[in-house]
C-alpha atoms as a PDB file:
ATOM      1  CA  MET A   1    -149.269 104.695  45.599  1.00  0.00           C
ATOM      2  CA  LYS A   2    -146.496 103.803  43.158  1.00  0.00           C
ATOM      3  CA  LEU A   3    -142.794 104.453  43.669  1.00  0.00           C
ATOM      4  CA  PHE A   4    -140.252 104.883  40.869  1.00  0.00           C
ATOM      5  CA  SER A   5    -136.455 105.083  40.872  1.00  0.00           C
ATOM      6  CA  TRP A   6    -133.708 105.617  38.295  1.00  0.00           C
ATOM      7  CA  GLY A   7    -130.011 106.496  37.922  1.00  0.00           C
ATOM      8  CA  SER A   8    -126.897 104.889  39.362  1.00  0.00           C
ATOM      9  CA  ASN A   9    -127.557 101.620  41.184  1.00  0.00           C
ATOM     10  CA  SER A  10    -124.107 100.233  41.982  1.00  0.00           C
ATOM     11  CA  HIS A  11    -125.020  99.784  45.667  1.00  0.00           C
ATOM     12  CA  GLY A  12    -128.638  98.752  45.159  1.00  0.00           C
ATOM     13  CA  GLN A  13    -129.875 102.204  46.162  1.00  0.00           C
ATOM     14  CA  LEU A  14    -132.730 102.085  43.632  1.00  0.00           C
ATOM     15  CA  ALA A  15    -134.414  99.268  45.595  1.00  0.00           C
ATOM     16  CA  GLN A  16    -135.153  97.349  42.401  1.00  0.00           C
ATOM     17  CA  GLY A  17    -133.948  93.973  43.657  1.00  0.00           C
ATOM     18  CA  GLN A  18    -130.822  94.142  41.478  1.00  0.00           C
ATOM     19  CA  SER A  19    -127.840  96.458  40.941  1.00  0.00           C
ATOM     20  CA  ASP A  20    -128.125  97.518  37.285  1.00  0.00           C
ATOM     21  CA  ASP A  21    -128.222 101.247  36.501  1.00  0.00           C
ATOM     22  CA  LEU A  22    -131.513 102.584  35.108  1.00  0.00           C
ATOM     23  CA  SER A  23    -131.719 105.445  32.616  1.00  0.00           C
ATOM     24  CA  VAL A  24    -135.504 105.951  32.870  1.00  0.00           C
ATOM     25  CA  PRO A  25    -137.911 106.015  35.847  1.00  0.00           C
ATOM     26  CA  THR A  26    -138.825 102.413  36.662  1.00  0.00           C
ATOM     27  CA  GLU A  27    -141.512 101.273  39.055  1.00  0.00           C
ATOM     28  CA  ILE A  28    -140.294  99.506  42.195  1.00  0.00           C
ATOM     29  CA  VAL A  29    -142.108  96.200  42.583  1.00  0.00           C
ATOM     30  CA  GLN A  30    -140.257  94.967  45.679  1.00  0.00           C
ATOM     31  CA  ASN A  31    -142.059  95.339  49.042  1.00  0.00           C
ATOM     32  CA  THR A  32    -144.878  97.374  47.509  1.00  0.00           C
ATOM     33  CA  CYS A  33    -146.955  96.959  50.673  1.00  0.00           C
ATOM     34  CA  LEU A  34    -144.842  99.761  52.172  1.00  0.00           C
ATOM     35  CA  PHE A  35    -145.763 102.321  49.567  1.00  0.00           C
ATOM     36  CA  GLU A  36    -149.335 103.023  50.739  1.00  0.00           C
ATOM     37  CA  ASP A  37    -148.031 104.636  53.901  1.00  0.00           C
ATOM     38  CA  ILE A  38    -145.000 106.602  52.681  1.00  0.00           C
ATOM     39  CA  LEU A  39    -144.417 109.917  54.427  1.00  0.00           C
ATOM     40  CA  SER A  40    -141.195 110.850  52.604  1.00  0.00           C
ATOM     41  CA  ILE A  41    -138.186 109.425  50.780  1.00  0.00           C
ATOM     42  CA  THR A  42    -134.637 110.694  50.372  1.00  0.00           C
ATOM     43  CA  GLY A  43    -131.368 109.603  48.779  1.00  0.00           C
ATOM     44  CA  GLY A  44    -127.708 109.684  49.819  1.00  0.00           C
ATOM     45  CA  GLY A  45    -124.476 108.870  48.025  1.00  0.00           C
ATOM     46  CA  GLY A  46    -125.259 105.185  47.541  1.00  0.00           C
ATOM     47  CA  HIS A  47    -128.326 104.552  49.678  1.00  0.00           C
ATOM     48  CA  SER A  48    -131.980 105.524  49.933  1.00  0.00           C
ATOM     49  CA  LEU A  49    -134.229 106.037  52.955  1.00  0.00           C
ATOM     50  CA  LEU A  50    -137.989 105.827  53.291  1.00  0.00           C
ATOM     51  CA  VAL A  51    -140.113 106.750  56.317  1.00  0.00           C
ATOM     52  CA  THR A  52    -143.755 105.699  56.700  1.00  0.00           C
ATOM     53  CA  LYS A  53    -146.641 107.583  58.276  1.00  0.00           C
ATOM     54  CA  ASN A  54    -146.302 105.240  61.237  1.00  0.00           C
ATOM     55  CA  GLY A  55    -142.758 106.460  61.817  1.00  0.00           C
ATOM     56  CA  ILE A  56    -140.892 103.374  60.601  1.00  0.00           C
ATOM     57  CA  VAL A  57    -137.676 103.794  58.589  1.00  0.00           C
ATOM     58  CA  TYR A  58    -136.638 101.561  55.685  1.00  0.00           C
ATOM     59  CA  SER A  59    -133.442 101.683  53.653  1.00  0.00           C
ATOM     60  CA  SER A  60    -131.866 100.269  50.519  1.00  0.00           C
ATOM     61  CA  GLY A  61    -128.260 100.185  49.306  1.00  0.00           C
ATOM     62  CA  ALA A  62    -124.704 100.743  50.581  1.00  0.00           C
ATOM     63  CA  ILE A  63    -124.671  97.998  53.182  1.00  0.00           C
ATOM     64  CA  GLY A  64    -120.885  97.856  52.998  1.00  0.00           C
ATOM     65  CA  LYS A  65    -120.522 101.222  54.710  1.00  0.00           C
ATOM     66  CA  GLU A  66    -123.436 100.846  57.162  1.00  0.00           C
ATOM     67  CA  GLU A  67    -125.322 103.887  55.840  1.00  0.00           C
ATOM     68  CA  SER A  68    -128.468 101.804  55.520  1.00  0.00           C
ATOM     69  CA  CYS A  69    -128.211  99.841  58.785  1.00  0.00           C
ATOM     70  CA  GLN A  70    -130.756  97.240  57.737  1.00  0.00           C
ATOM     71  CA  ASP A  71    -132.125  94.320  59.730  1.00  0.00           C
ATOM     72  CA  ASP A  72    -131.256  92.035  56.802  1.00  0.00           C
ATOM     73  CA  LYS A  73    -128.174  92.049  54.570  1.00  0.00           C
ATOM     74  CA  MET A  74    -130.152  92.304  51.325  1.00  0.00           C
ATOM     75  CA  PRO A  75    -129.210  95.825  50.154  1.00  0.00           C
ATOM     76  CA  ASN A  76    -131.193  95.868  46.903  1.00  0.00           C
ATOM     77  CA  THR A  77    -134.652  96.288  48.452  1.00  0.00           C
ATOM     78  CA  PHE A  78    -136.253  98.466  51.117  1.00  0.00           C
ATOM     79  CA  LEU A  79    -135.880  96.778  54.502  1.00  0.00           C
ATOM     80  CA  LYS A  80    -136.444  98.049  58.037  1.00  0.00           C
ATOM     81  CA  VAL A  81    -133.608  99.955  59.726  1.00  0.00           C
ATOM     82  CA  SER A  82    -132.341  98.387  62.952  1.00  0.00           C
ATOM     83  CA  GLY A  83    -132.425 100.257  66.243  1.00  0.00           C
ATOM     84  CA  LEU A  84    -135.292 102.710  65.703  1.00  0.00           C
ATOM     85  CA  SER A  85    -138.345 100.539  66.406  1.00  0.00           C
ATOM     86  CA  SER A  86    -138.968 102.216  69.786  1.00  0.00           C
ATOM     87  CA  TYR A  87    -139.323 105.669  68.221  1.00  0.00           C
ATOM     88  CA  LYS A  88    -141.701 107.375  65.828  1.00  0.00           C
ATOM     89  CA  ILE A  89    -139.594 108.925  63.082  1.00  0.00           C
ATOM     90  CA  THR A  90    -140.975 112.018  61.364  1.00  0.00           C
ATOM     91  CA  GLN A  91    -138.082 112.857  59.024  1.00  0.00           C
ATOM     92  CA  VAL A  92    -134.992 111.225  57.522  1.00  0.00           C
ATOM     93  CA  THR A  93    -132.154 112.749  55.535  1.00  0.00           C
ATOM     94  CA  ALA A  94    -129.074 111.230  53.921  1.00  0.00           C
ATOM     95  CA  GLY A  95    -125.522 112.426  53.341  1.00  0.00           C
ATOM     96  CA  TRP A  96    -122.890 110.832  51.153  1.00  0.00           C
ATOM     97  CA  ASP A  97    -122.154 107.969  53.527  1.00  0.00           C
ATOM     98  CA  PHE A  98    -124.346 108.551  56.579  1.00  0.00           C
ATOM     99  CA  SER A  99    -127.966 108.998  57.618  1.00  0.00           C
ATOM    100  CA  ILE A 100    -129.971 111.082  60.101  1.00  0.00           C
ATOM    101  CA  ALA A 101    -133.413 110.455  61.610  1.00  0.00           C
ATOM    102  CA  LEU A 102    -135.607 112.847  63.619  1.00  0.00           C
ATOM    103  CA  THR A 103    -138.284 111.637  66.048  1.00  0.00           C
ATOM    104  CA  ASN A 104    -141.633 113.208  66.888  1.00  0.00           C
ATOM    105  CA  GLU A 105    -140.090 114.256  70.226  1.00  0.00           C
ATOM    106  CA  GLY A 106    -137.273 116.193  68.567  1.00  0.00           C
ATOM    107  CA  ARG A 107    -134.607 113.579  69.237  1.00  0.00           C
ATOM    108  CA  VAL A 108    -131.900 113.015  66.613  1.00  0.00           C
ATOM    109  CA  PHE A 109    -130.268 109.713  65.627  1.00  0.00           C
ATOM    110  CA  THR A 110    -127.358 109.219  63.216  1.00  0.00           C
ATOM    111  CA  TRP A 111    -125.547 106.235  61.695  1.00  0.00           C
ATOM    112  CA  GLY A 112    -122.977 105.391  59.025  1.00  0.00           C
ATOM    113  CA  SER A 113    -119.506 106.851  58.485  1.00  0.00           C
ATOM    114  CA  ASN A 114    -118.117 109.304  61.025  1.00  0.00           C
ATOM    115  CA  THR A 115    -114.753 110.030  59.411  1.00  0.00           C
ATOM    116  CA  PHE A 116    -115.471 113.766  59.324  1.00  0.00           C
ATOM    117  CA  GLY A 117    -117.588 113.939  62.478  1.00  0.00           C
ATOM    118  CA  GLN A 118    -120.809 113.877  60.450  1.00  0.00           C
ATOM    119  CA  LEU A 119    -122.568 111.697  63.035  1.00  0.00           C
ATOM    120  CA  GLY A 120    -122.121 114.258  65.796  1.00  0.00           C
ATOM    121  CA  VAL A 121    -120.412 111.823  68.184  1.00  0.00           C
ATOM    122  CA  THR A 122    -116.807 111.314  69.223  1.00  0.00           C
ATOM    123  CA  GLY A 123    -114.612 108.250  69.656  1.00  0.00           C
ATOM    124  CA  THR A 124    -115.713 106.250  66.614  1.00  0.00           C
ATOM    125  CA  LEU A 125    -115.154 106.292  62.852  1.00  0.00           C
ATOM    126  CA  LYS A 126    -118.516 104.688  62.099  1.00  0.00           C
ATOM    127  CA  SER A 127    -121.688 103.456  63.760  1.00  0.00           C
ATOM    128  CA  LEU A 128    -123.411 100.250  62.713  1.00  0.00           C
ATOM    129  CA  LEU A 129    -126.589 101.240  64.553  1.00  0.00           C
ATOM    130  CA  PRO A 130    -128.431 104.557  65.001  1.00  0.00           C
ATOM    131  CA  VAL A 131    -126.993 106.503  67.911  1.00  0.00           C
ATOM    132  CA  GLU A 132    -128.737 109.413  69.605  1.00  0.00           C
ATOM    133  CA  ILE A 133    -126.789 112.664  69.632  1.00  0.00           C
ATOM    134  CA  SER A 134    -126.962 115.531  72.107  1.00  0.00           C
ATOM    135  CA  ILE A 135    -127.985 118.950  70.799  1.00  0.00           C
ATOM    136  CA  LYS A 136    -127.858 121.641  73.437  1.00  0.00           C
ATOM    137  CA  ALA A 137    -126.405 125.067  74.151  1.00  0.00           C
ATOM    138  CA  GLU A 138    -122.847 125.061  75.497  1.00  0.00           C
ATOM    139  CA  ASP A 139    -123.977 126.682  78.762  1.00  0.00           C
ATOM    140  CA  SER A 140    -126.878 124.258  79.300  1.00  0.00           C
ATOM    141  CA  ASP A 141    -126.719 121.478  81.890  1.00  0.00           C
ATOM    142  CA  SER A 142    -129.894 119.813  80.646  1.00  0.00           C
ATOM    143  CA  GLU A 143    -129.944 117.030  78.064  1.00  0.00           C
ATOM    144  CA  ARG A 144    -133.580 117.893  77.286  1.00  0.00           C
ATOM    145  CA  ASP A 145    -133.494 121.665  76.896  1.00  0.00           C
ATOM    146  CA  ARG A 146    -136.903 122.574  75.411  1.00  0.00           C
ATOM    147  CA  SER A 147    -135.424 125.499  73.469  1.00  0.00           C
ATOM    148  CA  CYS A 148    -133.067 123.053  71.713  1.00  0.00           C
ATOM    149  CA  MET A 149    -135.801 120.636  70.609  1.00  0.00           C
ATOM    150  CA  VAL A 150    -135.028 119.825  66.965  1.00  0.00           C
ATOM    151  CA  THR A 151    -137.718 120.363  64.333  1.00  0.00           C
ATOM    152  CA  HIS A 152    -135.744 119.690  61.129  1.00  0.00           C
ATOM    153  CA  VAL A 153    -132.445 118.091  60.066  1.00  0.00           C
ATOM    154  CA  VAL A 154    -130.449 118.293  56.824  1.00  0.00           C
ATOM    155  CA  ALA A 155    -127.337 116.549  55.531  1.00  0.00           C
ATOM    156  CA  GLY A 156    -124.713 117.715  53.052  1.00  0.00           C
ATOM    157  CA  MET A 157    -122.044 115.482  51.605  1.00  0.00           C
ATOM    158  CA  ARG A 158    -120.295 115.082  54.967  1.00  0.00           C
ATOM    159  CA  HIS A 159    -121.787 117.792  57.171  1.00  0.00           C
ATOM    160  CA  SER A 160    -125.030 118.038  59.123  1.00  0.00           C
ATOM    161  CA  MET A 161    -127.324 120.751  60.451  1.00  0.00           C
ATOM    162  CA  ALA A 162    -130.271 120.801  62.828  1.00  0.00           C
ATOM    163  CA  LEU A 163    -132.932 123.491  63.305  1.00  0.00           C
ATOM    164  CA  THR A 164    -134.453 123.939  66.758  1.00  0.00           C
ATOM    165  CA  ILE A 165    -137.902 125.060  67.815  1.00  0.00           C
ATOM    166  CA  SER A 166    -136.415 128.403  68.887  1.00  0.00           C
ATOM    167  CA  GLY A 167    -135.034 129.075  65.386  1.00  0.00           C
ATOM    168  CA  ASP A 168    -131.408 128.324  66.208  1.00  0.00           C
ATOM    169  CA  VAL A 169    -129.056 126.231  64.055  1.00  0.00           C
ATOM    170  CA  PHE A 170    -126.605 123.561  65.214  1.00  0.00           C
ATOM    171  CA  VAL A 171    -123.890 122.271  62.879  1.00  0.00           C
ATOM    172  CA  TRP A 172    -121.384 119.428  62.856  1.00  0.00           C
ATOM    173  CA  GLY A 173    -119.224 117.388  60.479  1.00  0.00           C
ATOM    174  CA  ALA A 174    -116.791 118.450  57.741  1.00  0.00           C
ATOM    175  CA  GLY A 175    -115.988 122.162  57.730  1.00  0.00           C
ATOM    176  CA  ARG A 176    -112.870 122.805  55.655  1.00  0.00           C
ATOM    177  CA  ARG A 177    -114.826 124.499  52.873  1.00  0.00           C
ATOM    178  CA  GLY A 178    -116.800 126.747  55.182  1.00  0.00           C
ATOM    179  CA  GLN A 179    -119.993 124.701  55.005  1.00  0.00           C
ATOM    180  CA  LEU A 180    -120.469 124.793  58.783  1.00  0.00           C
ATOM    181  CA  GLY A 181    -120.398 128.571  59.037  1.00  0.00           C
ATOM    182  CA  LEU A 182    -117.774 128.340  61.782  1.00  0.00           C
ATOM    183  CA  LYS A 183    -114.503 130.231  61.803  1.00  0.00           C
ATOM    184  CA  ASN A 184    -111.909 130.317  64.570  1.00  0.00           C
ATOM    185  CA  SER A 185    -109.688 133.362  64.064  1.00  0.00           C
ATOM    186  CA  GLU A 186    -108.709 133.070  60.388  1.00  0.00           C
ATOM    187  CA  LYS A 187    -108.847 129.282  60.226  1.00  0.00           C
ATOM    188  CA  LEU A 188    -111.737 127.089  59.093  1.00  0.00           C
ATOM    189  CA  PRO A 189    -112.231 123.906  61.142  1.00  0.00           C
ATOM    190  CA  THR A 190    -111.424 120.652  59.359  1.00  0.00           C
ATOM    191  CA  LYS A 191    -114.314 119.068  61.208  1.00  0.00           C
ATOM    192  CA  GLN A 192    -116.680 119.648  64.122  1.00  0.00           C
ATOM    193  CA  GLU A 193    -117.306 116.398  65.961  1.00  0.00           C
ATOM    194  CA  LYS A 194    -120.159 117.527  68.215  1.00  0.00           C
ATOM    195  CA  PRO A 195    -123.198 119.698  67.369  1.00  0.00           C
ATOM    196  CA  LYS A 196    -122.280 123.356  67.845  1.00  0.00           C
ATOM    197  CA  LYS A 197    -124.665 126.298  67.855  1.00  0.00           C
ATOM    198  CA  LEU A 198    -124.194 128.686  64.947  1.00  0.00           C
ATOM    199  CA  ASN A 199    -124.214 132.065  66.682  1.00  0.00           C
ATOM    200  CA  SER A 200    -124.041 134.151  63.507  1.00  0.00           C
ATOM    201  CA  ILE A 201    -127.732 133.630  62.629  1.00  0.00           C
ATOM    202  CA  SER A 202    -131.012 133.225  64.513  1.00  0.00           C
ATOM    203  CA  GLY A 203    -134.706 133.272  63.757  1.00  0.00           C
ATOM    204  CA  VAL A 204    -134.289 130.556  61.124  1.00  0.00           C
ATOM    205  CA  GLN A 205    -137.325 129.003  59.475  1.00  0.00           C
ATOM    206  CA  SER A 206    -135.759 126.299  57.293  1.00  0.00           C
ATOM    207  CA  LEU A 207    -132.388 124.872  56.233  1.00  0.00           C
ATOM    208  CA  VAL A 208    -130.834 123.342  53.125  1.00  0.00           C
ATOM    209  CA  ALA A 209    -127.447 121.704  52.553  1.00  0.00           C
ATOM    210  CA  GLY A 210    -125.489 121.091  49.370  1.00  0.00           C
ATOM    211  CA  ALA A 211    -122.332 119.045  49.051  1.00  0.00           C
ATOM    212  CA  PHE A 212    -120.043 121.788  50.404  1.00  0.00           C
ATOM    213  CA  HIS A 213    -122.361 124.722  51.133  1.00  0.00           C
ATOM    214  CA  SER A 214    -125.365 125.516  53.316  1.00  0.00           C
ATOM    215  CA  GLY A 215    -128.324 127.859  53.333  1.00  0.00           C
ATOM    216  CA  ALA A 216    -131.006 129.167  55.669  1.00  0.00           C
ATOM    217  CA  LEU A 217    -134.337 130.912  55.188  1.00  0.00           C
ATOM    218  CA  LEU A 218    -134.998 133.311  58.046  1.00  0.00           C
ATOM    219  CA  LYS A 219    -138.410 134.120  59.456  1.00  0.00           C
ATOM    220  CA  ASP A 220    -138.136 137.695  58.148  1.00  0.00           C
ATOM    221  CA  GLY A 221    -137.876 136.338  54.593  1.00  0.00           C
ATOM    222  CA  SER A 222    -134.162 136.896  54.123  1.00  0.00           C
ATOM    223  CA  ILE A 223    -131.779 134.163  52.942  1.00  0.00           C
ATOM    224  CA  CYS A 224    -128.304 133.362  54.240  1.00  0.00           C
ATOM    225  CA  VAL A 225    -125.808 131.134  52.397  1.00  0.00           C
ATOM    226  CA  TRP A 226    -122.303 130.055  53.282  1.00  0.00           C
ATOM    227  CA  GLY A 227    -119.605 127.586  52.277  1.00  0.00           C
ATOM    228  CA  CYS A 228    -117.874 126.716  49.015  1.00  0.00           C
ATOM    229  CA  ASN A 229    -118.488 129.256  46.242  1.00  0.00           C
ATOM    230  CA  LYS A 230    -116.650 127.570  43.373  1.00  0.00           C
ATOM    231  CA  TYR A 231    -119.737 127.641  41.166  1.00  0.00           C
ATOM    232  CA  GLY A 232    -121.379 130.735  42.630  1.00  0.00           C
ATOM    233  CA  GLN A 233    -123.570 128.744  45.012  1.00  0.00           C
ATOM    234  CA  SER A 234    -122.624 130.990  47.937  1.00  0.00           C
ATOM    235  CA  THR A 235    -122.408 134.760  47.464  1.00  0.00           C
ATOM    236  CA  ASN A 236    -119.606 137.061  48.659  1.00  0.00           C
ATOM    237  CA  MET A 237    -117.586 134.242  50.172  1.00  0.00           C
ATOM    238  CA  GLU A 238    -113.844 134.220  50.712  1.00  0.00           C
ATOM    239  CA  VAL A 239    -113.561 130.443  50.887  1.00  0.00           C
ATOM    240  CA  LYS A 240    -111.402 128.898  48.180  1.00  0.00           C
ATOM    241  CA  CYS A 241    -112.468 125.379  47.272  1.00  0.00           C
END
């Protein structure tokens, strides 16, 4: 299997062993032994993530802001992420300056910047290592509620969403532009620091997140969108961006 990258490379996110921008797809020749077992790859604001079929996560770029959380401070190539070796990762997703990993047991880990609550934890502005977050219903006393087992995670610019096995959605992070789908009285939350269940929708099949908007495909085939509508990305919204 061959892997190519192109575009902006100011943080080494293209994993080319250098930091020059590339205007055309260019084959990555660093650490090619990883590429035979790639499950998926994804990109954030200045970093890239790769997960193998064995559940190991590698990252490249943006070491300065800890989005990549590598074992070695060589940001221009794919290197193993610290702190996840005891888990089998099935999915990774990247926001502007943070990352999320999902395990085969439905556990969620986040790392990077937490300025807007995008990591889903309180008391810190950033995390150098992946930290597990708690996703559960507000009335649940169990940390391992089967109905809240996460099956998919997505990241916007600075907000996050998780889909559970029961079809419910939990949201956290930046919310000023309505991207969380939360509204208290007439005021949108600036941020939501802990995962909160989105009670306005259920029976969700999949999720997507843009920079400042979000979307969900429901099991009945209908689509819900919410958040910033400056460019028509969300329909019938009152949010002014």
